[in-house]
PDB file of N, CA and C in Angstrom:
ATOM      1  N   MET A   1     -32.085  10.725 -57.014  1.00  0.00           N
ATOM      2  CA  MET A   1     -31.703  12.106 -56.880  1.00  0.00           C
ATOM      3  C   MET A   1     -30.290  12.291 -57.436  1.00  0.00           C
ATOM      4  N   PRO A   2     -30.065  13.150 -58.372  1.00  0.00           N
ATOM      5  CA  PRO A   2     -28.724  13.327 -58.990  1.00  0.00           C
ATOM      6  C   PRO A   2     -27.753  13.965 -58.038  1.00  0.00           C
ATOM      7  N   THR A   3     -26.512  13.640 -58.135  1.00  0.00           N
ATOM      8  CA  THR A   3     -25.481  14.284 -57.333  1.00  0.00           C
ATOM      9  C   THR A   3     -24.492  14.925 -58.239  1.00  0.00           C
ATOM     10  N   ALA A   4     -23.864  15.947 -57.777  1.00  0.00           N
ATOM     11  CA  ALA A   4     -22.889  16.694 -58.584  1.00  0.00           C
ATOM     12  C   ALA A   4     -21.637  15.869 -58.656  1.00  0.00           C
ATOM     13  N   PRO A   5     -20.912  15.976 -59.772  1.00  0.00           N
ATOM     14  CA  PRO A   5     -19.656  15.243 -59.899  1.00  0.00           C
ATOM     15  C   PRO A   5     -18.612  15.772 -58.900  1.00  0.00           C
ATOM     16  N   PRO A   6     -17.693  14.959 -58.476  1.00  0.00           N
ATOM     17  CA  PRO A   6     -16.715  15.463 -57.511  1.00  0.00           C
ATOM     18  C   PRO A   6     -15.882  16.617 -58.124  1.00  0.00           C
ATOM     19  N   ARG A   7     -15.581  17.584 -57.260  1.00  0.00           N
ATOM     20  CA  ARG A   7     -14.755  18.754 -57.692  1.00  0.00           C
ATOM     21  C   ARG A   7     -13.306  18.470 -57.585  1.00  0.00           C
ATOM     22  N   ALA A   8     -12.543  19.087 -58.436  1.00  0.00           N
ATOM     23  CA  ALA A   8     -11.065  18.955 -58.325  1.00  0.00           C
ATOM     24  C   ALA A   8     -10.582  19.664 -57.075  1.00  0.00           C
ATOM     25  N   CYS A   9      -9.512  19.106 -56.527  1.00  0.00           N
ATOM     26  CA  CYS A   9      -8.886  19.703 -55.352  1.00  0.00           C
ATOM     27  C   CYS A   9      -8.371  21.131 -55.706  1.00  0.00           C
ATOM     28  N   ALA A  10      -8.654  22.067 -54.841  1.00  0.00           N
ATOM     29  CA  ALA A  10      -8.213  23.476 -55.091  1.00  0.00           C
ATOM     30  C   ALA A  10      -6.697  23.622 -55.001  1.00  0.00           C
ATOM     31  N   THR A  11      -6.023  22.698 -54.367  1.00  0.00           N
ATOM     32  CA  THR A  11      -4.596  22.798 -54.184  1.00  0.00           C
ATOM     33  C   THR A  11      -3.862  22.149 -55.363  1.00  0.00           C
ATOM     34  N   CYS A  12      -4.188  20.867 -55.638  1.00  0.00           N
ATOM     35  CA  CYS A  12      -3.362  20.120 -56.610  1.00  0.00           C
ATOM     36  C   CYS A  12      -4.122  19.954 -57.977  1.00  0.00           C
ATOM     37  N   GLY A  13      -5.368  20.162 -58.012  1.00  0.00           N
ATOM     38  CA  GLY A  13      -6.140  19.961 -59.229  1.00  0.00           C
ATOM     39  C   GLY A  13      -6.657  18.575 -59.507  1.00  0.00           C
ATOM     40  N   HIS A  14      -6.304  17.620 -58.698  1.00  0.00           N
ATOM     41  CA  HIS A  14      -6.791  16.243 -58.872  1.00  0.00           C
ATOM     42  C   HIS A  14      -8.148  16.040 -58.294  1.00  0.00           C
ATOM     43  N   VAL A  15      -8.923  15.097 -58.762  1.00  0.00           N
ATOM     44  CA  VAL A  15     -10.157  14.768 -58.161  1.00  0.00           C
ATOM     45  C   VAL A  15      -9.928  13.965 -56.921  1.00  0.00           C
ATOM     46  N   PRO A  16     -10.542  14.419 -55.798  1.00  0.00           N
ATOM     47  CA  PRO A  16     -10.373  13.716 -54.504  1.00  0.00           C
ATOM     48  C   PRO A  16     -10.762  12.227 -54.658  1.00  0.00           C
ATOM     49  N   PRO A  17     -10.194  11.312 -53.848  1.00  0.00           N
ATOM     50  CA  PRO A  17      -9.225  11.605 -52.857  1.00  0.00           C
ATOM     51  C   PRO A  17      -7.825  11.868 -53.486  1.00  0.00           C
ATOM     52  N   CYS A  18      -7.242  12.948 -53.128  1.00  0.00           N
ATOM     53  CA  CYS A  18      -5.860  13.284 -53.657  1.00  0.00           C
ATOM     54  C   CYS A  18      -4.884  13.166 -52.530  1.00  0.00           C
ATOM     55  N   ALA A  19      -3.622  13.261 -52.870  1.00  0.00           N
ATOM     56  CA  ALA A  19      -2.563  13.067 -51.925  1.00  0.00           C
ATOM     57  C   ALA A  19      -1.819  14.311 -51.511  1.00  0.00           C
ATOM     58  N   CYS A  20      -2.371  15.449 -51.885  1.00  0.00           N
ATOM     59  CA  CYS A  20      -1.653  16.702 -51.504  1.00  0.00           C
ATOM     60  C   CYS A  20      -1.758  16.973 -50.054  1.00  0.00           C
ATOM     61  N   ALA A  21      -0.783  17.646 -49.536  1.00  0.00           N
ATOM     62  CA  ALA A  21      -0.731  17.894 -48.081  1.00  0.00           C
ATOM     63  C   ALA A  21      -1.907  18.579 -47.579  1.00  0.00           C
ATOM     64  N   ARG A  22      -2.419  19.533 -48.262  1.00  0.00           N
ATOM     65  CA  ARG A  22      -3.608  20.260 -47.790  1.00  0.00           C
ATOM     66  C   ARG A  22      -4.826  19.394 -47.678  1.00  0.00           C
ATOM     67  N   ALA A  23      -5.031  18.475 -48.618  1.00  0.00           N
ATOM     68  CA  ALA A  23      -6.137  17.545 -48.540  1.00  0.00           C
ATOM     69  C   ALA A  23      -5.976  16.613 -47.352  1.00  0.00           C
ATOM     70  N   ARG A  24      -4.736  16.063 -47.143  1.00  0.00           N
ATOM     71  CA  ARG A  24      -4.558  15.231 -45.999  1.00  0.00           C
ATOM     72  C   ARG A  24      -4.868  15.957 -44.678  1.00  0.00           C
ATOM     73  N   GLU A  25      -4.451  17.179 -44.557  1.00  0.00           N
ATOM     74  CA  GLU A  25      -4.722  17.968 -43.363  1.00  0.00           C
ATOM     75  C   GLU A  25      -6.266  18.116 -43.182  1.00  0.00           C
ATOM     76  N   THR A  26      -6.989  18.324 -44.274  1.00  0.00           N
ATOM     77  CA  THR A  26      -8.438  18.472 -44.203  1.00  0.00           C
ATOM     78  C   THR A  26      -9.053  17.203 -43.675  1.00  0.00           C
ATOM     79  N   ARG A  27      -8.571  16.052 -44.142  1.00  0.00           N
ATOM     80  CA  ARG A  27      -9.157  14.788 -43.698  1.00  0.00           C
ATOM     81  C   ARG A  27      -8.755  14.428 -42.346  1.00  0.00           C
ATOM     82  N   ARG A  28      -7.478  14.645 -41.938  1.00  0.00           N
ATOM     83  CA  ARG A  28      -6.950  14.161 -40.674  1.00  0.00           C
ATOM     84  C   ARG A  28      -6.835  15.251 -39.637  1.00  0.00           C
ATOM     85  N   GLY A  29      -6.912  16.534 -40.070  1.00  0.00           N
ATOM     86  CA  GLY A  29      -6.612  17.592 -39.133  1.00  0.00           C
ATOM     87  C   GLY A  29      -5.126  17.905 -39.208  1.00  0.00           C
ATOM     88  N   THR A  30      -4.781  19.119 -38.886  1.00  0.00           N
ATOM     89  CA  THR A  30      -3.383  19.523 -38.928  1.00  0.00           C
ATOM     90  C   THR A  30      -2.581  18.778 -37.842  1.00  0.00           C
ATOM     91  N   ARG A  31      -1.281  18.756 -37.980  1.00  0.00           N
ATOM     92  CA  ARG A  31      -0.470  18.062 -36.929  1.00  0.00           C
ATOM     93  C   ARG A  31      -0.696  18.708 -35.570  1.00  0.00           C
ATOM     94  N   THR A  32      -0.810  20.029 -35.522  1.00  0.00           N
ATOM     95  CA  THR A  32      -1.093  20.705 -34.199  1.00  0.00           C
ATOM     96  C   THR A  32      -2.457  20.331 -33.635  1.00  0.00           C
ATOM     97  N   ALA A  33      -3.466  20.159 -34.529  1.00  0.00           N
ATOM     98  CA  ALA A  33      -4.767  19.740 -34.099  1.00  0.00           C
ATOM     99  C   ALA A  33      -4.772  18.378 -33.560  1.00  0.00           C
ATOM    100  N   ARG A  34      -3.848  17.526 -34.044  1.00  0.00           N
ATOM    101  CA  ARG A  34      -3.709  16.136 -33.582  1.00  0.00           C
ATOM    102  C   ARG A  34      -2.740  16.035 -32.371  1.00  0.00           C
ATOM    103  N   GLY A  35      -2.175  17.189 -31.883  1.00  0.00           N
ATOM    104  CA  GLY A  35      -1.342  17.190 -30.664  1.00  0.00           C
ATOM    105  C   GLY A  35       0.152  17.112 -30.910  1.00  0.00           C
ATOM    106  N   TYR A  36       0.613  17.301 -32.165  1.00  0.00           N
ATOM    107  CA  TYR A  36       2.004  17.321 -32.472  1.00  0.00           C
ATOM    108  C   TYR A  36       2.607  18.682 -32.568  1.00  0.00           C
ATOM    109  N   SER A  37       3.382  19.070 -31.564  1.00  0.00           N
ATOM    110  CA  SER A  37       3.904  20.416 -31.442  1.00  0.00           C
ATOM    111  C   SER A  37       5.208  20.547 -32.231  1.00  0.00           C
ATOM    112  N   ASN A  38       5.809  21.688 -32.268  1.00  0.00           N
ATOM    113  CA  ASN A  38       7.120  21.927 -32.840  1.00  0.00           C
ATOM    114  C   ASN A  38       8.116  21.127 -32.090  1.00  0.00           C
ATOM    115  N   ALA A  39       7.978  20.923 -30.800  1.00  0.00           N
ATOM    116  CA  ALA A  39       8.893  20.065 -30.012  1.00  0.00           C
ATOM    117  C   ALA A  39       8.889  18.671 -30.485  1.00  0.00           C
ATOM    118  N   TRP A  40       7.682  18.174 -30.876  1.00  0.00           N
ATOM    119  CA  TRP A  40       7.614  16.814 -31.422  1.00  0.00           C
ATOM    120  C   TRP A  40       8.332  16.715 -32.822  1.00  0.00           C
ATOM    121  N   VAL A  41       8.197  17.688 -33.629  1.00  0.00           N
ATOM    122  CA  VAL A  41       8.851  17.685 -34.916  1.00  0.00           C
ATOM    123  C   VAL A  41      10.363  17.635 -34.737  1.00  0.00           C
ATOM    124  N   ARG A  42      10.905  18.425 -33.803  1.00  0.00           N
ATOM    125  CA  ARG A  42      12.326  18.366 -33.523  1.00  0.00           C
ATOM    126  C   ARG A  42      12.744  17.017 -32.957  1.00  0.00           C
ATOM    127  N   TYR A  43      11.958  16.497 -32.022  1.00  0.00           N
ATOM    128  CA  TYR A  43      12.237  15.206 -31.433  1.00  0.00           C
ATOM    129  C   TYR A  43      12.254  14.093 -32.526  1.00  0.00           C
ATOM    130  N   ALA A  44      11.227  14.107 -33.366  1.00  0.00           N
ATOM    131  CA  ALA A  44      11.063  13.065 -34.408  1.00  0.00           C
ATOM    132  C   ALA A  44      12.252  13.140 -35.384  1.00  0.00           C
ATOM    133  N   ARG A  45      12.711  14.337 -35.759  1.00  0.00           N
ATOM    134  CA  ARG A  45      13.850  14.481 -36.622  1.00  0.00           C
ATOM    135  C   ARG A  45      15.068  13.909 -36.020  1.00  0.00           C
ATOM    136  N   ASP A  46      15.277  14.192 -34.708  1.00  0.00           N
ATOM    137  CA  ASP A  46      16.470  13.627 -34.025  1.00  0.00           C
ATOM    138  C   ASP A  46      16.417  12.111 -33.903  1.00  0.00           C
ATOM    139  N   PHE A  47      15.193  11.612 -33.630  1.00  0.00           N
ATOM    140  CA  PHE A  47      15.023  10.125 -33.480  1.00  0.00           C
ATOM    141  C   PHE A  47      15.356   9.503 -34.798  1.00  0.00           C
ATOM    142  N   ARG A  48      14.817  10.054 -35.925  1.00  0.00           N
ATOM    143  CA  ARG A  48      15.163   9.407 -37.280  1.00  0.00           C
ATOM    144  C   ARG A  48      16.608   9.547 -37.578  1.00  0.00           C
ATOM    145  N   ALA A  49      17.257  10.588 -37.075  1.00  0.00           N
ATOM    146  CA  ALA A  49      18.716  10.713 -37.348  1.00  0.00           C
ATOM    147  C   ALA A  49      19.480   9.594 -36.647  1.00  0.00           C
ATOM    148  N   ARG A  50      19.028   9.251 -35.405  1.00  0.00           N
ATOM    149  CA  ARG A  50      19.736   8.151 -34.672  1.00  0.00           C
ATOM    150  C   ARG A  50      19.334   6.777 -35.199  1.00  0.00           C
ATOM    151  N   TYR A  51      18.047   6.640 -35.564  1.00  0.00           N
ATOM    152  CA  TYR A  51      17.541   5.356 -35.985  1.00  0.00           C
ATOM    153  C   TYR A  51      16.824   5.484 -37.313  1.00  0.00           C
ATOM    154  N   PRO A  52      17.603   5.518 -38.441  1.00  0.00           N
ATOM    155  CA  PRO A  52      17.101   5.915 -39.734  1.00  0.00           C
ATOM    156  C   PRO A  52      16.277   4.833 -40.516  1.00  0.00           C
ATOM    157  N   PHE A  53      16.337   3.618 -40.041  1.00  0.00           N
ATOM    158  CA  PHE A  53      15.774   2.546 -40.958  1.00  0.00           C
ATOM    159  C   PHE A  53      14.401   2.081 -40.481  1.00  0.00           C
ATOM    160  N   CYS A  54      13.603   1.661 -41.420  1.00  0.00           N
ATOM    161  CA  CYS A  54      12.241   1.181 -41.172  1.00  0.00           C
ATOM    162  C   CYS A  54      12.335  -0.040 -40.219  1.00  0.00           C
ATOM    163  N   GLY A  55      11.593   0.022 -39.137  1.00  0.00           N
ATOM    164  CA  GLY A  55      11.565  -1.055 -38.185  1.00  0.00           C
ATOM    165  C   GLY A  55      12.570  -0.906 -37.017  1.00  0.00           C
ATOM    166  N   GLN A  56      13.334   0.200 -37.057  1.00  0.00           N
ATOM    167  CA  GLN A  56      14.361   0.400 -36.051  1.00  0.00           C
ATOM    168  C   GLN A  56      13.719   1.119 -34.841  1.00  0.00           C
ATOM    169  N   ARG A  57      14.056   0.638 -33.660  1.00  0.00           N
ATOM    170  CA  ARG A  57      13.496   1.186 -32.389  1.00  0.00           C
ATOM    171  C   ARG A  57      14.614   1.730 -31.548  1.00  0.00           C
ATOM    172  N   ASP A  58      14.178   2.262 -30.427  1.00  0.00           N
ATOM    173  CA  ASP A  58      15.130   2.862 -29.449  1.00  0.00           C
ATOM    174  C   ASP A  58      16.244   1.837 -29.105  1.00  0.00           C
ATOM    175  N   GLY A  59      17.410   2.306 -29.090  1.00  0.00           N
ATOM    176  CA  GLY A  59      18.603   1.425 -28.822  1.00  0.00           C
ATOM    177  C   GLY A  59      19.137   0.792 -30.066  1.00  0.00           C
ATOM    178  N   GLY A  60      18.552   1.024 -31.229  1.00  0.00           N
ATOM    179  CA  GLY A  60      19.062   0.550 -32.483  1.00  0.00           C
ATOM    180  C   GLY A  60      18.551  -0.860 -32.852  1.00  0.00           C
ATOM    181  N   THR A  61      17.692  -1.428 -31.990  1.00  0.00           N
ATOM    182  CA  THR A  61      17.191  -2.783 -32.297  1.00  0.00           C
ATOM    183  C   THR A  61      16.146  -2.676 -33.419  1.00  0.00           C
ATOM    184  N   PHE A  62      15.940  -3.748 -34.137  1.00  0.00           N
ATOM    185  CA  PHE A  62      14.992  -3.802 -35.186  1.00  0.00           C
ATOM    186  C   PHE A  62      13.832  -4.753 -34.786  1.00  0.00           C
ATOM    187  N   SER A  63      12.625  -4.422 -35.246  1.00  0.00           N
ATOM    188  CA  SER A  63      11.480  -5.247 -35.011  1.00  0.00           C
ATOM    189  C   SER A  63      10.651  -5.359 -36.311  1.00  0.00           C
ATOM    190  N   SER A  64      10.182  -6.602 -36.553  1.00  0.00           N
ATOM    191  CA  SER A  64       9.423  -6.861 -37.753  1.00  0.00           C
ATOM    192  C   SER A  64       7.882  -6.794 -37.390  1.00  0.00           C
ATOM    193  N   GLU A  65       7.590  -6.420 -36.183  1.00  0.00           N
ATOM    194  CA  GLU A  65       6.151  -6.410 -35.768  1.00  0.00           C
ATOM    195  C   GLU A  65       5.332  -5.468 -36.680  1.00  0.00           C
ATOM    196  N   HIS A  66       5.798  -4.328 -36.992  1.00  0.00           N
ATOM    197  CA  HIS A  66       5.045  -3.376 -37.886  1.00  0.00           C
ATOM    198  C   HIS A  66       5.783  -3.066 -39.157  1.00  0.00           C
ATOM    199  N   SER A  67       7.025  -3.568 -39.294  1.00  0.00           N
ATOM    200  CA  SER A  67       7.862  -3.294 -40.479  1.00  0.00           C
ATOM    201  C   SER A  67       7.871  -4.414 -41.447  1.00  0.00           C
ATOM    202  N   GLN A  68       7.100  -4.252 -42.497  1.00  0.00           N
ATOM    203  CA  GLN A  68       7.099  -5.270 -43.601  1.00  0.00           C
ATOM    204  C   GLN A  68       8.491  -5.242 -44.290  1.00  0.00           C
ATOM    205  N   CYS A  69       9.163  -4.092 -44.351  1.00  0.00           N
ATOM    206  CA  CYS A  69      10.467  -4.027 -45.005  1.00  0.00           C
ATOM    207  C   CYS A  69      11.448  -4.895 -44.237  1.00  0.00           C
ATOM    208  N   TRP A  70      11.537  -4.767 -42.948  1.00  0.00           N
ATOM    209  CA  TRP A  70      12.492  -5.535 -42.196  1.00  0.00           C
ATOM    210  C   TRP A  70      12.138  -6.998 -42.271  1.00  0.00           C
ATOM    211  N   ARG A  71      10.830  -7.346 -42.267  1.00  0.00           N
ATOM    212  CA  ARG A  71      10.416  -8.738 -42.384  1.00  0.00           C
ATOM    213  C   ARG A  71      10.887  -9.334 -43.685  1.00  0.00           C
ATOM    214  N   ALA A  72      10.860  -8.526 -44.743  1.00  0.00           N
ATOM    215  CA  ALA A  72      11.237  -9.026 -46.083  1.00  0.00           C
ATOM    216  C   ALA A  72      12.763  -8.935 -46.269  1.00  0.00           C
ATOM    217  N   GLY A  73      13.536  -8.491 -45.252  1.00  0.00           N
ATOM    218  CA  GLY A  73      14.963  -8.408 -45.335  1.00  0.00           C
ATOM    219  C   GLY A  73      15.485  -7.154 -46.061  1.00  0.00           C
ATOM    220  N   ARG A  74      14.653  -6.142 -46.236  1.00  0.00           N
ATOM    221  CA  ARG A  74      15.082  -4.910 -46.912  1.00  0.00           C
ATOM    222  C   ARG A  74      15.409  -3.832 -45.872  1.00  0.00           C
ATOM    223  N   LYS A  75      16.498  -3.136 -46.058  1.00  0.00           N
ATOM    224  CA  LYS A  75      16.853  -1.978 -45.238  1.00  0.00           C
ATOM    225  C   LYS A  75      16.412  -0.736 -45.961  1.00  0.00           C
ATOM    226  N   VAL A  76      15.312  -0.158 -45.555  1.00  0.00           N
ATOM    227  CA  VAL A  76      14.719   0.964 -46.167  1.00  0.00           C
ATOM    228  C   VAL A  76      14.736   2.139 -45.228  1.00  0.00           C
ATOM    229  N   LEU A  77      15.100   3.365 -45.725  1.00  0.00           N
ATOM    230  CA  LEU A  77      15.088   4.508 -44.838  1.00  0.00           C
ATOM    231  C   LEU A  77      13.663   4.841 -44.450  1.00  0.00           C
ATOM    232  N   GLY A  78      13.512   5.192 -43.166  1.00  0.00           N
ATOM    233  CA  GLY A  78      12.163   5.551 -42.684  1.00  0.00           C
ATOM    234  C   GLY A  78      11.815   7.004 -42.918  1.00  0.00           C
ATOM    235  N   ASP A  79      10.516   7.247 -42.947  1.00  0.00           N
ATOM    236  CA  ASP A  79      10.009   8.612 -43.202  1.00  0.00           C
ATOM    237  C   ASP A  79       9.407   9.221 -41.949  1.00  0.00           C
ATOM    238  N   CYS A  80       9.017   8.416 -41.010  1.00  0.00           N
ATOM    239  CA  CYS A  80       8.235   8.940 -39.876  1.00  0.00           C
ATOM    240  C   CYS A  80       8.615   8.182 -38.587  1.00  0.00           C
ATOM    241  N   VAL A  81       8.280   8.820 -37.469  1.00  0.00           N
ATOM    242  CA  VAL A  81       8.460   8.161 -36.191  1.00  0.00           C
ATOM    243  C   VAL A  81       7.019   7.762 -35.750  1.00  0.00           C
ATOM    244  N   ASP A  82       6.853   6.492 -35.522  1.00  0.00           N
ATOM    245  CA  ASP A  82       5.532   5.934 -35.162  1.00  0.00           C
ATOM    246  C   ASP A  82       5.520   5.655 -33.705  1.00  0.00           C
ATOM    247  N   HIS A  83       4.318   5.889 -33.083  1.00  0.00           N
ATOM    248  CA  HIS A  83       4.125   5.471 -31.690  1.00  0.00           C
ATOM    249  C   HIS A  83       3.630   4.050 -31.747  1.00  0.00           C
ATOM    250  N   ILE A  84       4.409   3.181 -31.087  1.00  0.00           N
ATOM    251  CA  ILE A  84       4.082   1.715 -31.064  1.00  0.00           C
ATOM    252  C   ILE A  84       2.782   1.563 -30.378  1.00  0.00           C
ATOM    253  N   ARG A  85       2.597   2.153 -29.226  1.00  0.00           N
ATOM    254  CA  ARG A  85       1.286   2.178 -28.566  1.00  0.00           C
ATOM    255  C   ARG A  85       0.741   3.573 -28.814  1.00  0.00           C
ATOM    256  N   PRO A  86      -0.425   3.742 -29.469  1.00  0.00           N
ATOM    257  CA  PRO A  86      -0.922   5.027 -29.822  1.00  0.00           C
ATOM    258  C   PRO A  86      -1.187   5.943 -28.604  1.00  0.00           C
ATOM    259  N   ILE A  87      -1.047   7.208 -28.767  1.00  0.00           N
ATOM    260  CA  ILE A  87      -1.247   8.184 -27.714  1.00  0.00           C
ATOM    261  C   ILE A  87      -2.661   8.035 -27.211  1.00  0.00           C
ATOM    262  N   ARG A  88      -3.612   7.899 -28.098  1.00  0.00           N
ATOM    263  CA  ARG A  88      -5.017   7.779 -27.677  1.00  0.00           C
ATOM    264  C   ARG A  88      -5.286   6.502 -26.844  1.00  0.00           C
ATOM    265  N   ALA A  89      -4.362   5.533 -26.920  1.00  0.00           N
ATOM    266  CA  ALA A  89      -4.499   4.310 -26.136  1.00  0.00           C
ATOM    267  C   ALA A  89      -3.604   4.299 -24.927  1.00  0.00           C
ATOM    268  N   GLY A  90      -3.088   5.485 -24.558  1.00  0.00           N
ATOM    269  CA  GLY A  90      -2.275   5.636 -23.363  1.00  0.00           C
ATOM    270  C   GLY A  90      -0.779   5.605 -23.576  1.00  0.00           C
ATOM    271  N   GLY A  91      -0.312   5.567 -24.835  1.00  0.00           N
ATOM    272  CA  GLY A  91       1.102   5.661 -25.113  1.00  0.00           C
ATOM    273  C   GLY A  91       1.642   7.057 -24.870  1.00  0.00           C
ATOM    274  N   SER A  92       2.889   7.090 -24.425  1.00  0.00           N
ATOM    275  CA  SER A  92       3.504   8.360 -24.155  1.00  0.00           C
ATOM    276  C   SER A  92       4.045   9.013 -25.448  1.00  0.00           C
ATOM    277  N   ILE A  93       3.823  10.276 -25.574  1.00  0.00           N
ATOM    278  CA  ILE A  93       4.254  10.993 -26.807  1.00  0.00           C
ATOM    279  C   ILE A  93       5.771  11.131 -26.929  1.00  0.00           C
ATOM    280  N   PHE A  94       6.519  11.309 -25.791  1.00  0.00           N
ATOM    281  CA  PHE A  94       7.955  11.555 -25.868  1.00  0.00           C
ATOM    282  C   PHE A  94       8.784  10.393 -25.222  1.00  0.00           C
ATOM    283  N   ASP A  95       8.144   9.215 -25.088  1.00  0.00           N
ATOM    284  CA  ASP A  95       8.914   8.053 -24.527  1.00  0.00           C
ATOM    285  C   ASP A  95       9.597   7.331 -25.699  1.00  0.00           C
ATOM    286  N   PRO A  96      10.944   7.376 -25.713  1.00  0.00           N
ATOM    287  CA  PRO A  96      11.669   6.688 -26.843  1.00  0.00           C
ATOM    288  C   PRO A  96      11.346   5.182 -26.927  1.00  0.00           C
ATOM    289  N   GLY A  97      11.031   4.611 -25.828  1.00  0.00           N
ATOM    290  CA  GLY A  97      10.661   3.176 -25.852  1.00  0.00           C
ATOM    291  C   GLY A  97       9.319   2.890 -26.531  1.00  0.00           C
ATOM    292  N   ASN A  98       8.571   3.949 -26.778  1.00  0.00           N
ATOM    293  CA  ASN A  98       7.293   3.841 -27.456  1.00  0.00           C
ATOM    294  C   ASN A  98       7.388   4.244 -28.974  1.00  0.00           C
ATOM    295  N   HIS A  99       8.600   4.416 -29.450  1.00  0.00           N
ATOM    296  CA  HIS A  99       8.769   4.880 -30.793  1.00  0.00           C
ATOM    297  C   HIS A  99       9.541   3.904 -31.681  1.00  0.00           C
ATOM    298  N   GLN A 100       9.206   4.008 -32.951  1.00  0.00           N
ATOM    299  CA  GLN A 100       9.925   3.205 -33.960  1.00  0.00           C
ATOM    300  C   GLN A 100       9.914   4.047 -35.258  1.00  0.00           C
ATOM    301  N   THR A 101      10.950   3.918 -36.040  1.00  0.00           N
ATOM    302  CA  THR A 101      10.987   4.558 -37.360  1.00  0.00           C
ATOM    303  C   THR A 101      10.284   3.605 -38.318  1.00  0.00           C
ATOM    304  N   LEU A 102       9.415   4.191 -39.143  1.00  0.00           N
ATOM    305  CA  LEU A 102       8.753   3.373 -40.202  1.00  0.00           C
ATOM    306  C   LEU A 102       8.793   4.203 -41.528  1.00  0.00           C
ATOM    307  N   CYS A 103       8.793   3.468 -42.623  1.00  0.00           N
ATOM    308  CA  CYS A 103       8.596   4.163 -43.877  1.00  0.00           C
ATOM    309  C   CYS A 103       7.123   4.407 -44.074  1.00  0.00           C
ATOM    310  N   THR A 104       6.764   5.259 -44.964  1.00  0.00           N
ATOM    311  CA  THR A 104       5.320   5.616 -45.134  1.00  0.00           C
ATOM    312  C   THR A 104       4.473   4.385 -45.483  1.00  0.00           C
ATOM    313  N   ARG A 105       4.990   3.498 -46.305  1.00  0.00           N
ATOM    314  CA  ARG A 105       4.161   2.320 -46.618  1.00  0.00           C
ATOM    315  C   ARG A 105       3.833   1.470 -45.412  1.00  0.00           C
ATOM    316  N   CYS A 106       4.816   1.177 -44.542  1.00  0.00           N
ATOM    317  CA  CYS A 106       4.627   0.370 -43.385  1.00  0.00           C
ATOM    318  C   CYS A 106       3.732   1.117 -42.376  1.00  0.00           C
ATOM    319  N   ASN A 107       3.925   2.383 -42.287  1.00  0.00           N
ATOM    320  CA  ASN A 107       3.119   3.231 -41.346  1.00  0.00           C
ATOM    321  C   ASN A 107       1.631   3.144 -41.740  1.00  0.00           C
ATOM    322  N   VAL A 108       1.372   3.293 -43.050  1.00  0.00           N
ATOM    323  CA  VAL A 108      -0.029   3.237 -43.570  1.00  0.00           C
ATOM    324  C   VAL A 108      -0.593   1.828 -43.348  1.00  0.00           C
ATOM    325  N   MET A 109       0.219   0.834 -43.578  1.00  0.00           N
ATOM    326  CA  MET A 109      -0.272  -0.577 -43.448  1.00  0.00           C
ATOM    327  C   MET A 109      -0.561  -0.866 -41.974  1.00  0.00           C
ATOM    328  N   LYS A 110       0.130  -0.268 -41.075  1.00  0.00           N
ATOM    329  CA  LYS A 110      -0.062  -0.499 -39.624  1.00  0.00           C
ATOM    330  C   LYS A 110      -1.499  -0.031 -39.253  1.00  0.00           C
ATOM    331  N   GLY A 111      -1.895   1.061 -39.881  1.00  0.00           N
ATOM    332  CA  GLY A 111      -3.269   1.550 -39.725  1.00  0.00           C
ATOM    333  C   GLY A 111      -3.354   2.425 -38.573  1.00  0.00           C
TER     334      GLY A 111
END
């Protein structure tokens, strides 16, 4: 049975899977659908301002558990605040002890 060729993304024009924000939201759901409020966005921005490097945790300590950058001896600025223990596994959303700054690469590799 023939199938139609994949269509280009309506937002960025690339053939899926594409990396545009709208396509990511479609696959993962919006941040609000995943439980991240505006209060979380403000909190995460402040956390990254205090702990800007990949692998950095509350108190300024570094961990190589999820940070390939820190393991390799590179100091890379982080892009996101990661929950060390996922919320769906009982981790607290606003507990600083459950957060670490990660770069996008390390966050994706964490899975």
